[in-house]
Each structure stands twice: as C-alpha cells, then as structure tokens.
Amino acid sequence: MSNAVSKHHWLVDVARALRLPGAEDLSAAPGDRTPDVWERVTAATGIGDAELAERLAERYVMTIADIGAAEPHAARLLPAIVAVRYHVLPLRYTDRTLDVATCDPHDVDAEREISRLATRAIRWEVAPPAAIREGLGRAYAGARTAAPGREGAASVAPAGNGDGTRRGKEPTHLLVVDDDPETGELLRAFLAGRGFRVSTARSGPEALELLGSDPSIAAVSLDYYMHPVNGLKVLSSIRADRRLRDLPVVMLTSSEDRNIEMSLFEAGADDYVVKPLDPPRFFLRLRAVLRRRTAR
C-alpha cells in the first residue's frame, strides 16, 4: 500500500489490494468504525468472516485468534468499558505480554492505551467483530450474548446464576437507550450475560417508538445527554403516557450537578447512575429498582 494518506478506511484499501470481488465499489471513510466497515466488506465482496480474517492474518503476519480458548483471567487486565470501546478481547498473558483479539490491527491508540492499562506489551491476533462481541459477553458478563443488532436475546442462565431469568419464566426484557454505541454495546453485552433480553435504541424517538410497540419491555436504561431529544424529555414523555407511567427508568448522566439530579427525580426517574459507567454498580441499581417495582 502507498504511504500516501488514503481517502478510504484501511480495510477498504486492503480489500482492493487483495482484489476481492466488488471491492472497487466499496466506500468507507478513514474514521468509520472498523466493525462496521468489516461488515460492509464481507457483504459487498461475498466472502465470510473467517476468510477475511485469514486474508488479514496472512497480510499482516498475524495469528488468527481462537476466541473460544481465551483465558478467563486475561479480562481482569483490561476494564470492560475499554475492551468494548476498542472492540478487543484479552486472550492470554504473561508477565510481559498480553495477547489481544482485534479486528483493527491499525488502531495505534488502542494499542497504546491497552498497553498502559495492562502494563504489558500488546500482541495482536485477528478475529471477526462478531466473534469478539461473543467473547466480550463471556469474558465480562459470564455468559454468551446474542448476535449484534437492535435486539439480542441472551442465552438462559441456570437458576441461581443469573438475575434476568428465573426458572420457568421468560427473560426480563430491558431497553438500553444511548446515542453512544460503545456504552450501548457495553450495557447490552453485560445485561445479556446476566440473563436479560436486551433491546437497544440510539435516540429518544426510536426509544419511544419501541416502547409504544412492545409492551414486554420491563425497564429502561436512559442516557441523559442525547441529541436531538435529551433523556429528560424522553423520561417526561414516558411518564405522560398512561401505559408507561409506571415503567422503571434508570438514568445515566455524566454530570454530578445537583440540579440535574433533582430534575431527573422530579421528572420521575427511579434512580440514576453517573458515568463513566461501572457495569456491576449499574446492575445493582437496576436490580434494586426492579425489586422495588415488583414489591408494589
């Protein structure tokens, strides 16, 4: 590949260099998320995830990651929110190195931050985005999560090991509303791993549409800072709807402003959690809200 700055995402340039069918018609900006571009490349060229991973591994002299063989303790070296942000999965480690599955070996920022946090040199192994998402669900939530998309149904956890599913009952259906795809995916994977059925929305209007069409949603995680409609307005719309006014809502906000806290509770929030998000802490808040509502 040329040293000149490309107008395309590096994965598009690689697809063209490999002369994959349909690659010349591909278009993706350098700043586009690699998992999204990966899916565009496989769809446009007709090759599968496994073949694209093999092509990249060969091109960059990398190992193909065995997601299923990831060591459980490796995830302790990297916070879940960082793993989801960079779409990577810790696989195994020594005193000096950490092997990490990635679909983006070009991500220098990811390598730098992960190396700093893990205090080890990073060795990339290539894996498709879908495989990494599955591995993240197991590593950080203790169970396999569903395929990515608007909605994911978690595998049912054994009785006593999960909180979203009880023996003989359907999983509790949660709606995660956040315009930040990284936070939304982190919560989806974590909650799905706890046995919940999880749907996601990227905006207030989309959330209200889902709530209006799906009565099985039992609780909502709602981000405060969203555009064009912020979480407070969405919450007010929920409480103004006779069918939804008792629906449990936990707000997420990056502000510790007391006035915002008061406005959230005045608008009808059941609880709120301040970002940066700590999934286990958020889960305890959500579980408490669900228990309070059930006890009424």
C-alpha atoms as a PDB file:
ATOM      1  CA  MET A   1       0.000   0.000   0.000  1.00  0.00           C
ATOM      2  CA  SER A   2       1.152   3.524  -0.713  1.00  0.00           C
ATOM      3  CA  ASN A   3       2.494   5.729   2.072  1.00  0.00           C
ATOM      4  CA  ALA A   4       0.168   8.487   0.875  1.00  0.00           C
ATOM      5  CA  VAL A   5      -2.805   9.262   3.082  1.00  0.00           C
ATOM      6  CA  SER A   6      -5.770   7.288   1.776  1.00  0.00           C
ATOM      7  CA  LYS A   7      -9.260   8.699   1.323  1.00  0.00           C
ATOM      8  CA  HIS A   8     -10.668   5.364   2.380  1.00  0.00           C
ATOM      9  CA  HIS A   9     -10.751   3.258   5.511  1.00  0.00           C
ATOM     10  CA  TRP A  10      -7.701   0.986   5.634  1.00  0.00           C
ATOM     11  CA  LEU A  11      -9.887  -2.122   5.334  1.00  0.00           C
ATOM     12  CA  VAL A  12     -11.289  -0.888   2.035  1.00  0.00           C
ATOM     13  CA  ASP A  13      -7.747  -0.320   0.767  1.00  0.00           C
ATOM     14  CA  VAL A  14      -6.812  -3.855   1.834  1.00  0.00           C
ATOM     15  CA  ALA A  15      -9.872  -5.328   0.120  1.00  0.00           C
ATOM     16  CA  ARG A  16      -8.889  -3.554  -3.081  1.00  0.00           C
ATOM     17  CA  ALA A  17      -5.245  -4.584  -2.775  1.00  0.00           C
ATOM     18  CA  LEU A  18      -6.387  -8.195  -2.370  1.00  0.00           C
ATOM     19  CA  ARG A  19      -8.598  -7.738  -5.447  1.00  0.00           C
ATOM     20  CA  LEU A  20     -11.637  -9.047  -3.655  1.00  0.00           C
ATOM     21  CA  PRO A  21     -14.754  -9.095  -5.858  1.00  0.00           C
ATOM     22  CA  GLY A  22     -16.755  -5.886  -5.522  1.00  0.00           C
ATOM     23  CA  ALA A  23     -14.017  -4.114  -3.568  1.00  0.00           C
ATOM     24  CA  GLU A  24     -13.725  -1.272  -6.095  1.00  0.00           C
ATOM     25  CA  ASP A  25     -17.294  -0.239  -5.336  1.00  0.00           C
ATOM     26  CA  LEU A  26     -16.729  -0.094  -1.581  1.00  0.00           C
ATOM     27  CA  SER A  27     -16.673   3.247   0.205  1.00  0.00           C
ATOM     28  CA  ALA A  28     -15.794   3.973   3.840  1.00  0.00           C
ATOM     29  CA  ALA A  29     -14.119   6.980   5.436  1.00  0.00           C
ATOM     30  CA  PRO A  30     -10.904   6.570   7.451  1.00  0.00           C
ATOM     31  CA  GLY A  31     -12.761   7.497  10.634  1.00  0.00           C
ATOM     32  CA  ASP A  32     -15.542   4.902  10.259  1.00  0.00           C
ATOM     33  CA  ARG A  33     -15.696   2.178  12.914  1.00  0.00           C
ATOM     34  CA  THR A  34     -13.799  -0.898  11.780  1.00  0.00           C
ATOM     35  CA  PRO A  35     -16.504  -3.393  12.924  1.00  0.00           C
ATOM     36  CA  ASP A  36     -18.998  -1.559  10.697  1.00  0.00           C
ATOM     37  CA  VAL A  37     -16.593  -1.460   7.738  1.00  0.00           C
ATOM     38  CA  TRP A  38     -15.776  -5.151   8.239  1.00  0.00           C
ATOM     39  CA  GLU A  39     -19.469  -5.995   7.796  1.00  0.00           C
ATOM     40  CA  ARG A  40     -19.644  -3.802   4.689  1.00  0.00           C
ATOM     41  CA  VAL A  41     -16.633  -5.543   3.169  1.00  0.00           C
ATOM     42  CA  THR A  42     -17.962  -9.063   3.785  1.00  0.00           C
ATOM     43  CA  ALA A  43     -21.397  -8.109   2.447  1.00  0.00           C
ATOM     44  CA  ALA A  44     -20.032  -6.404  -0.690  1.00  0.00           C
ATOM     45  CA  THR A  45     -17.395  -8.990  -1.557  1.00  0.00           C
ATOM     46  CA  GLY A  46     -19.335 -12.105  -0.612  1.00  0.00           C
ATOM     47  CA  ILE A  47     -16.538 -13.593   1.490  1.00  0.00           C
ATOM     48  CA  GLY A  48     -17.237 -14.724   5.025  1.00  0.00           C
ATOM     49  CA  ASP A  49     -15.809 -13.533   8.326  1.00  0.00           C
ATOM     50  CA  ALA A  50     -13.422 -16.475   8.543  1.00  0.00           C
ATOM     51  CA  GLU A  51     -11.951 -15.901   5.082  1.00  0.00           C
ATOM     52  CA  LEU A  52     -11.492 -12.176   5.642  1.00  0.00           C
ATOM     53  CA  ALA A  53      -9.754 -12.909   8.957  1.00  0.00           C
ATOM     54  CA  GLU A  54      -7.444 -15.368   7.178  1.00  0.00           C
ATOM     55  CA  ARG A  55      -6.617 -12.802   4.485  1.00  0.00           C
ATOM     56  CA  LEU A  56      -5.791 -10.145   7.073  1.00  0.00           C
ATOM     57  CA  ALA A  57      -3.739 -12.541   9.197  1.00  0.00           C
ATOM     58  CA  GLU A  58      -1.700 -13.520   6.165  1.00  0.00           C
ATOM     59  CA  ARG A  59      -1.231  -9.924   5.037  1.00  0.00           C
ATOM     60  CA  TYR A  60      -0.090  -8.644   8.442  1.00  0.00           C
ATOM     61  CA  VAL A  61       1.685 -11.838   9.551  1.00  0.00           C
ATOM     62  CA  MET A  62      -0.680 -12.282  12.472  1.00  0.00           C
ATOM     63  CA  THR A  63      -2.218 -15.266  14.222  1.00  0.00           C
ATOM     64  CA  ILE A  64      -5.932 -15.918  13.879  1.00  0.00           C
ATOM     65  CA  ALA A  65      -7.435 -15.605  17.347  1.00  0.00           C
ATOM     66  CA  ASP A  66      -9.140 -18.595  18.954  1.00  0.00           C
ATOM     67  CA  ILE A  67     -11.866 -16.733  20.837  1.00  0.00           C
ATOM     68  CA  GLY A  68     -13.195 -19.893  22.461  1.00  0.00           C
ATOM     69  CA  ALA A  69      -9.806 -20.585  24.061  1.00  0.00           C
ATOM     70  CA  ALA A  70      -9.486 -17.168  25.743  1.00  0.00           C
ATOM     71  CA  GLU A  71      -8.240 -17.473  29.329  1.00  0.00           C
ATOM     72  CA  PRO A  72     -10.888 -16.196  31.784  1.00  0.00           C
ATOM     73  CA  HIS A  73      -8.372 -14.311  33.913  1.00  0.00           C
ATOM     74  CA  ALA A  74      -6.986 -12.308  30.985  1.00  0.00           C
ATOM     75  CA  ALA A  75     -10.012  -9.990  31.040  1.00  0.00           C
ATOM     76  CA  ARG A  76      -9.003  -8.803  34.503  1.00  0.00           C
ATOM     77  CA  LEU A  77      -6.158  -6.850  32.940  1.00  0.00           C
ATOM     78  CA  LEU A  78      -8.497  -4.628  30.942  1.00  0.00           C
ATOM     79  CA  PRO A  79     -11.669  -2.794  32.075  1.00  0.00           C
ATOM     80  CA  ALA A  80     -14.814  -3.828  30.203  1.00  0.00           C
ATOM     81  CA  ILE A  81     -15.534  -0.295  29.020  1.00  0.00           C
ATOM     82  CA  VAL A  82     -12.093  -0.088  27.353  1.00  0.00           C
ATOM     83  CA  ALA A  83     -12.458  -3.518  25.744  1.00  0.00           C
ATOM     84  CA  VAL A  84     -15.822  -2.526  24.277  1.00  0.00           C
ATOM     85  CA  ARG A  85     -14.626   0.932  23.210  1.00  0.00           C
ATOM     86  CA  TYR A  86     -11.814  -0.542  21.119  1.00  0.00           C
ATOM     87  CA  HIS A  87     -13.678  -3.752  20.260  1.00  0.00           C
ATOM     88  CA  VAL A  88     -10.930  -6.037  21.563  1.00  0.00           C
ATOM     89  CA  LEU A  89     -10.776  -9.161  23.712  1.00  0.00           C
ATOM     90  CA  PRO A  90      -7.884 -10.125  26.018  1.00  0.00           C
ATOM     91  CA  LEU A  91      -6.903 -13.727  25.272  1.00  0.00           C
ATOM     92  CA  ARG A  92      -3.915 -14.706  27.399  1.00  0.00           C
ATOM     93  CA  TYR A  93      -0.998 -13.060  29.150  1.00  0.00           C
ATOM     94  CA  THR A  94       2.462 -13.412  30.630  1.00  0.00           C
ATOM     95  CA  ASP A  95       4.372 -11.095  32.948  1.00  0.00           C
ATOM     96  CA  ARG A  96       5.440  -9.075  29.914  1.00  0.00           C
ATOM     97  CA  THR A  97       2.841  -9.553  27.186  1.00  0.00           C
ATOM     98  CA  LEU A  98      -0.911  -9.541  26.621  1.00  0.00           C
ATOM     99  CA  ASP A  99      -2.377 -11.267  23.577  1.00  0.00           C
ATOM    100  CA  VAL A 100      -5.459  -9.422  22.347  1.00  0.00           C
ATOM    101  CA  ALA A 101      -8.001 -10.257  19.646  1.00  0.00           C
ATOM    102  CA  THR A 102      -8.830  -7.346  17.357  1.00  0.00           C
ATOM    103  CA  CYS A 103     -10.438  -6.668  14.001  1.00  0.00           C
ATOM    104  CA  ASP A 104      -8.361  -3.478  13.685  1.00  0.00           C
ATOM    105  CA  PRO A 105      -4.581  -4.029  13.906  1.00  0.00           C
ATOM    106  CA  HIS A 106      -4.123  -0.439  12.646  1.00  0.00           C
ATOM    107  CA  ASP A 107      -5.538   1.085  15.835  1.00  0.00           C
ATOM    108  CA  VAL A 108      -2.447   2.656  17.391  1.00  0.00           C
ATOM    109  CA  ASP A 109      -4.480   4.478  20.063  1.00  0.00           C
ATOM    110  CA  ALA A 110      -5.963   1.176  21.208  1.00  0.00           C
ATOM    111  CA  GLU A 111      -2.565  -0.479  21.417  1.00  0.00           C
ATOM    112  CA  ARG A 112      -1.133   2.441  23.378  1.00  0.00           C
ATOM    113  CA  GLU A 113      -3.958   2.627  25.929  1.00  0.00           C
ATOM    114  CA  ILE A 114      -4.301  -1.122  26.409  1.00  0.00           C
ATOM    115  CA  SER A 115      -0.542  -1.461  26.885  1.00  0.00           C
ATOM    116  CA  ARG A 116      -0.609   1.300  29.503  1.00  0.00           C
ATOM    117  CA  LEU A 117      -3.521  -0.211  31.418  1.00  0.00           C
ATOM    118  CA  ALA A 118      -2.272  -3.787  31.286  1.00  0.00           C
ATOM    119  CA  THR A 119       1.381  -2.745  31.867  1.00  0.00           C
ATOM    120  CA  ARG A 120       2.411  -5.221  29.181  1.00  0.00           C
ATOM    121  CA  ALA A 121       3.394  -5.251  25.520  1.00  0.00           C
ATOM    122  CA  ILE A 122       0.400  -5.955  23.274  1.00  0.00           C
ATOM    123  CA  ARG A 123       0.421  -8.725  20.677  1.00  0.00           C
ATOM    124  CA  TRP A 124      -2.494  -8.525  18.237  1.00  0.00           C
ATOM    125  CA  GLU A 125      -4.368 -11.537  16.907  1.00  0.00           C
ATOM    126  CA  VAL A 126      -7.049 -11.043  14.265  1.00  0.00           C
ATOM    127  CA  ALA A 127     -10.701 -12.030  14.747  1.00  0.00           C
ATOM    128  CA  PRO A 128     -14.027 -11.040  13.151  1.00  0.00           C
ATOM    129  CA  PRO A 129     -16.081  -8.408  15.034  1.00  0.00           C
ATOM    130  CA  ALA A 130     -18.950 -10.843  15.683  1.00  0.00           C
ATOM    131  CA  ALA A 131     -16.593 -13.337  17.336  1.00  0.00           C
ATOM    132  CA  ILE A 132     -15.112 -10.592  19.511  1.00  0.00           C
ATOM    133  CA  ARG A 133     -18.587  -9.454  20.605  1.00  0.00           C
ATOM    134  CA  GLU A 134     -19.411 -13.008  21.614  1.00  0.00           C
ATOM    135  CA  GLY A 135     -16.162 -13.292  23.547  1.00  0.00           C
ATOM    136  CA  LEU A 136     -16.767  -9.978  25.324  1.00  0.00           C
ATOM    137  CA  GLY A 137     -20.102 -11.260  26.574  1.00  0.00           C
ATOM    138  CA  ARG A 138     -18.495 -14.338  28.078  1.00  0.00           C
ATOM    139  CA  ALA A 139     -15.421 -12.604  29.470  1.00  0.00           C
ATOM    140  CA  TYR A 140     -17.162  -9.668  31.153  1.00  0.00           C
ATOM    141  CA  ALA A 141     -20.619 -10.976  31.873  1.00  0.00           C
ATOM    142  CA  GLY A 142     -20.082 -14.670  32.417  1.00  0.00           C
ATOM    143  CA  ALA A 143     -22.330 -15.871  29.592  1.00  0.00           C
ATOM    144  CA  ARG A 144     -22.643 -15.872  25.822  1.00  0.00           C
ATOM    145  CA  THR A 145     -24.560 -12.957  24.372  1.00  0.00           C
ATOM    146  CA  ALA A 146     -26.737 -12.889  21.301  1.00  0.00           C
ATOM    147  CA  ALA A 147     -25.674 -11.746  17.865  1.00  0.00           C
ATOM    148  CA  PRO A 148     -25.397  -7.946  17.495  1.00  0.00           C
ATOM    149  CA  GLY A 149     -28.329  -5.908  16.345  1.00  0.00           C
ATOM    150  CA  ARG A 150     -31.276  -3.934  17.545  1.00  0.00           C
ATOM    151  CA  GLU A 151     -32.286  -6.726  19.869  1.00  0.00           C
ATOM    152  CA  GLY A 152     -30.389  -9.613  21.439  1.00  0.00           C
ATOM    153  CA  ALA A 153     -31.923 -12.485  23.364  1.00  0.00           C
ATOM    154  CA  ALA A 154     -29.483 -13.834  25.909  1.00  0.00           C
ATOM    155  CA  SER A 155     -28.955 -17.490  26.434  1.00  0.00           C
ATOM    156  CA  VAL A 156     -30.898 -18.529  29.527  1.00  0.00           C
ATOM    157  CA  ALA A 157     -28.720 -18.672  32.596  1.00  0.00           C
ATOM    158  CA  PRO A 158     -29.150 -21.538  35.049  1.00  0.00           C
ATOM    159  CA  ALA A 159     -31.426 -20.775  38.005  1.00  0.00           C
ATOM    160  CA  GLY A 160     -29.424 -19.011  40.699  1.00  0.00           C
ATOM    161  CA  ASN A 161     -26.611 -17.917  38.341  1.00  0.00           C
ATOM    162  CA  GLY A 162     -28.356 -15.051  36.586  1.00  0.00           C
ATOM    163  CA  ASP A 163     -30.747 -12.299  37.557  1.00  0.00           C
ATOM    164  CA  GLY A 164     -32.652 -11.699  34.348  1.00  0.00           C
ATOM    165  CA  THR A 165     -34.151 -15.146  34.016  1.00  0.00           C
ATOM    166  CA  ARG A 166     -35.970 -17.313  36.531  1.00  0.00           C
ATOM    167  CA  ARG A 167     -36.826 -20.946  36.113  1.00  0.00           C
ATOM    168  CA  GLY A 168     -39.942 -21.413  34.015  1.00  0.00           C
ATOM    169  CA  LYS A 169     -40.173 -17.737  33.049  1.00  0.00           C
ATOM    170  CA  GLU A 170     -39.181 -15.653  30.057  1.00  0.00           C
ATOM    171  CA  PRO A 171     -36.119 -13.372  30.407  1.00  0.00           C
ATOM    172  CA  THR A 172     -36.890  -9.874  31.670  1.00  0.00           C
ATOM    173  CA  HIS A 173     -36.897  -7.517  28.694  1.00  0.00           C
ATOM    174  CA  LEU A 174     -34.803  -4.340  29.077  1.00  0.00           C
ATOM    175  CA  LEU A 175     -34.400  -1.355  26.768  1.00  0.00           C
ATOM    176  CA  VAL A 176     -30.996   0.396  26.673  1.00  0.00           C
ATOM    177  CA  VAL A 177     -31.205   3.914  25.208  1.00  0.00           C
ATOM    178  CA  ASP A 178     -27.888   5.630  24.463  1.00  0.00           C
ATOM    179  CA  ASP A 179     -26.596   7.531  21.433  1.00  0.00           C
ATOM    180  CA  ASP A 180     -23.051   6.392  22.254  1.00  0.00           C
ATOM    181  CA  PRO A 181     -22.682   2.989  20.518  1.00  0.00           C
ATOM    182  CA  GLU A 182     -19.837   1.948  22.828  1.00  0.00           C
ATOM    183  CA  THR A 183     -21.833   2.489  26.020  1.00  0.00           C
ATOM    184  CA  GLY A 184     -24.894   0.906  24.464  1.00  0.00           C
ATOM    185  CA  GLU A 185     -22.965  -2.203  23.416  1.00  0.00           C
ATOM    186  CA  LEU A 186     -21.247  -2.461  26.806  1.00  0.00           C
ATOM    187  CA  LEU A 187     -24.585  -2.445  28.619  1.00  0.00           C
ATOM    188  CA  ARG A 188     -26.200  -4.779  26.103  1.00  0.00           C
ATOM    189  CA  ALA A 189     -23.438  -7.365  26.443  1.00  0.00           C
ATOM    190  CA  PHE A 190     -23.270  -7.097  30.219  1.00  0.00           C
ATOM    191  CA  LEU A 191     -27.036  -7.315  30.804  1.00  0.00           C
ATOM    192  CA  ALA A 192     -27.497 -10.078  28.234  1.00  0.00           C
ATOM    193  CA  GLY A 193     -24.819 -12.033  30.060  1.00  0.00           C
ATOM    194  CA  ARG A 194     -26.874 -11.662  33.241  1.00  0.00           C
ATOM    195  CA  GLY A 195     -29.778 -13.431  31.546  1.00  0.00           C
ATOM    196  CA  PHE A 196     -31.802 -10.439  30.360  1.00  0.00           C
ATOM    197  CA  ARG A 197     -33.365  -9.971  26.958  1.00  0.00           C
ATOM    198  CA  VAL A 198     -31.980  -6.632  25.738  1.00  0.00           C
ATOM    199  CA  SER A 199     -33.152  -4.221  23.061  1.00  0.00           C
ATOM    200  CA  THR A 200     -31.278  -1.039  22.180  1.00  0.00           C
ATOM    201  CA  ALA A 201     -32.180   2.388  20.807  1.00  0.00           C
ATOM    202  CA  ARG A 202     -29.828   5.138  19.648  1.00  0.00           C
ATOM    203  CA  SER A 203     -32.207   8.079  20.125  1.00  0.00           C
ATOM    204  CA  GLY A 204     -35.199   9.255  22.116  1.00  0.00           C
ATOM    205  CA  PRO A 205     -37.690   8.976  19.243  1.00  0.00           C
ATOM    206  CA  GLU A 206     -36.520   5.444  18.474  1.00  0.00           C
ATOM    207  CA  ALA A 207     -36.891   4.517  22.147  1.00  0.00           C
ATOM    208  CA  LEU A 208     -40.430   5.903  22.342  1.00  0.00           C
ATOM    209  CA  GLU A 209     -41.347   4.028  19.163  1.00  0.00           C
ATOM    210  CA  LEU A 210     -40.104   0.754  20.654  1.00  0.00           C
ATOM    211  CA  LEU A 211     -41.866   1.381  23.954  1.00  0.00           C
ATOM    212  CA  GLY A 212     -45.097   2.111  22.136  1.00  0.00           C
ATOM    213  CA  SER A 213     -44.947  -1.063  20.069  1.00  0.00           C
ATOM    214  CA  ASP A 214     -43.508  -3.602  22.526  1.00  0.00           C
ATOM    215  CA  PRO A 215     -45.359  -3.993  25.853  1.00  0.00           C
ATOM    216  CA  SER A 216     -42.912  -6.685  27.032  1.00  0.00           C
ATOM    217  CA  ILE A 217     -40.238  -4.084  27.915  1.00  0.00           C
ATOM    218  CA  ALA A 218     -39.999  -4.167  31.712  1.00  0.00           C
ATOM    219  CA  ALA A 219     -37.431  -1.431  32.407  1.00  0.00           C
ATOM    220  CA  VAL A 220     -35.370   1.248  30.646  1.00  0.00           C
ATOM    221  CA  SER A 221     -31.790   2.463  30.926  1.00  0.00           C
ATOM    222  CA  LEU A 222     -31.882   6.008  29.566  1.00  0.00           C
ATOM    223  CA  ASP A 223     -28.977   8.341  28.812  1.00  0.00           C
ATOM    224  CA  TYR A 224     -29.434  11.983  29.794  1.00  0.00           C
ATOM    225  CA  TYR A 225     -27.258  13.650  27.134  1.00  0.00           C
ATOM    226  CA  MET A 226     -28.676  12.706  23.734  1.00  0.00           C
ATOM    227  CA  HIS A 227     -29.473  14.623  20.551  1.00  0.00           C
ATOM    228  CA  PRO A 228     -31.816  15.867  19.244  1.00  0.00           C
ATOM    229  CA  VAL A 229     -34.075  14.853  22.169  1.00  0.00           C
ATOM    230  CA  ASN A 230     -32.372  14.537  25.545  1.00  0.00           C
ATOM    231  CA  GLY A 231     -33.141  11.866  28.105  1.00  0.00           C
ATOM    232  CA  LEU A 232     -35.087  14.197  30.376  1.00  0.00           C
ATOM    233  CA  LYS A 233     -37.618  14.904  27.617  1.00  0.00           C
ATOM    234  CA  VAL A 234     -37.880  11.203  26.829  1.00  0.00           C
ATOM    235  CA  LEU A 235     -38.473  10.461  30.502  1.00  0.00           C
ATOM    236  CA  SER A 236     -41.206  13.113  30.636  1.00  0.00           C
ATOM    237  CA  SER A 237     -42.861  11.521  27.595  1.00  0.00           C
ATOM    238  CA  ILE A 238     -42.739   8.107  29.268  1.00  0.00           C
ATOM    239  CA  ARG A 239     -44.353   9.414  32.452  1.00  0.00           C
ATOM    240  CA  ALA A 240     -47.013  11.274  30.456  1.00  0.00           C
ATOM    241  CA  ASP A 241     -48.100   8.049  28.742  1.00  0.00           C
ATOM    242  CA  ARG A 242     -50.730   6.223  30.782  1.00  0.00           C
ATOM    243  CA  ARG A 243     -49.426   2.835  29.610  1.00  0.00           C
ATOM    244  CA  LEU A 244     -45.805   3.623  30.534  1.00  0.00           C
ATOM    245  CA  ARG A 245     -46.019   5.851  33.587  1.00  0.00           C
ATOM    246  CA  ASP A 246     -45.067   3.031  35.995  1.00  0.00           C
ATOM    247  CA  LEU A 247     -42.234   1.664  33.843  1.00  0.00           C
ATOM    248  CA  PRO A 248     -38.921   1.569  35.810  1.00  0.00           C
ATOM    249  CA  VAL A 249     -36.364   4.009  34.379  1.00  0.00           C
ATOM    250  CA  VAL A 250     -32.710   4.301  35.428  1.00  0.00           C
ATOM    251  CA  MET A 251     -30.990   7.403  34.048  1.00  0.00           C
ATOM    252  CA  LEU A 252     -27.338   7.648  33.021  1.00  0.00           C
ATOM    253  CA  THR A 253     -25.602  11.001  33.193  1.00  0.00           C
ATOM    254  CA  SER A 254     -22.011  12.234  33.030  1.00  0.00           C
ATOM    255  CA  SER A 255     -22.858  15.144  35.333  1.00  0.00           C
ATOM    256  CA  GLU A 256     -22.934  15.233  39.135  1.00  0.00           C
ATOM    257  CA  ASP A 257     -24.792  18.540  39.097  1.00  0.00           C
ATOM    258  CA  ARG A 258     -27.324  18.549  41.961  1.00  0.00           C
ATOM    259  CA  ASN A 259     -29.831  20.475  39.847  1.00  0.00           C
ATOM    260  CA  ILE A 260     -29.750  17.767  37.177  1.00  0.00           C
ATOM    261  CA  GLU A 261     -30.204  15.109  39.839  1.00  0.00           C
ATOM    262  CA  MET A 262     -33.240  16.913  41.210  1.00  0.00           C
ATOM    263  CA  SER A 263     -34.721  17.418  37.741  1.00  0.00           C
ATOM    264  CA  LEU A 264     -34.393  13.707  36.998  1.00  0.00           C
ATOM    265  CA  PHE A 265     -36.200  12.633  40.143  1.00  0.00           C
ATOM    266  CA  GLU A 266     -38.836  15.337  39.713  1.00  0.00           C
ATOM    267  CA  ALA A 267     -39.484  14.028  36.183  1.00  0.00           C
ATOM    268  CA  GLY A 268     -39.989  10.522  37.536  1.00  0.00           C
ATOM    269  CA  ALA A 269     -36.651   8.705  37.357  1.00  0.00           C
ATOM    270  CA  ASP A 270     -36.416   5.691  39.641  1.00  0.00           C
ATOM    271  CA  ASP A 271     -32.658   6.045  40.009  1.00  0.00           C
ATOM    272  CA  TYR A 272     -29.640   7.438  38.208  1.00  0.00           C
ATOM    273  CA  VAL A 273     -26.007   6.421  37.690  1.00  0.00           C
ATOM    274  CA  VAL A 274     -23.133   8.790  36.954  1.00  0.00           C
ATOM    275  CA  LYS A 275     -20.736   7.983  34.107  1.00  0.00           C
ATOM    276  CA  PRO A 276     -18.089   6.734  33.447  1.00  0.00           C
ATOM    277  CA  LEU A 277     -20.140   3.603  33.623  1.00  0.00           C
ATOM    278  CA  ASP A 278     -19.307   0.817  36.051  1.00  0.00           C
ATOM    279  CA  PRO A 279     -21.489  -2.096  34.806  1.00  0.00           C
ATOM    280  CA  PRO A 280     -21.622  -4.088  38.087  1.00  0.00           C
ATOM    281  CA  ARG A 281     -22.638  -0.963  40.023  1.00  0.00           C
ATOM    282  CA  PHE A 282     -25.222  -0.080  37.410  1.00  0.00           C
ATOM    283  CA  PHE A 283     -26.600  -3.615  37.572  1.00  0.00           C
ATOM    284  CA  LEU A 284     -27.081  -3.422  41.350  1.00  0.00           C
ATOM    285  CA  ARG A 285     -29.021  -0.166  40.935  1.00  0.00           C
ATOM    286  CA  LEU A 286     -31.175  -1.668  38.205  1.00  0.00           C
ATOM    287  CA  ARG A 287     -31.876  -4.810  40.191  1.00  0.00           C
ATOM    288  CA  ALA A 288     -32.921  -2.740  43.202  1.00  0.00           C
ATOM    289  CA  VAL A 289     -35.309  -0.711  41.041  1.00  0.00           C
ATOM    290  CA  LEU A 290     -36.855  -3.877  39.600  1.00  0.00           C
ATOM    291  CA  ARG A 291     -37.296  -5.366  43.056  1.00  0.00           C
ATOM    292  CA  ARG A 292     -38.963  -2.227  44.381  1.00  0.00           C
ATOM    293  CA  ARG A 293     -41.414  -2.213  41.487  1.00  0.00           C
ATOM    294  CA  THR A 294     -42.149  -5.927  41.883  1.00  0.00           C
ATOM    295  CA  ALA A 295     -42.855  -5.467  45.595  1.00  0.00           C
ATOM    296  CA  ARG A 296     -45.562  -2.875  44.949  1.00  0.00           C
END
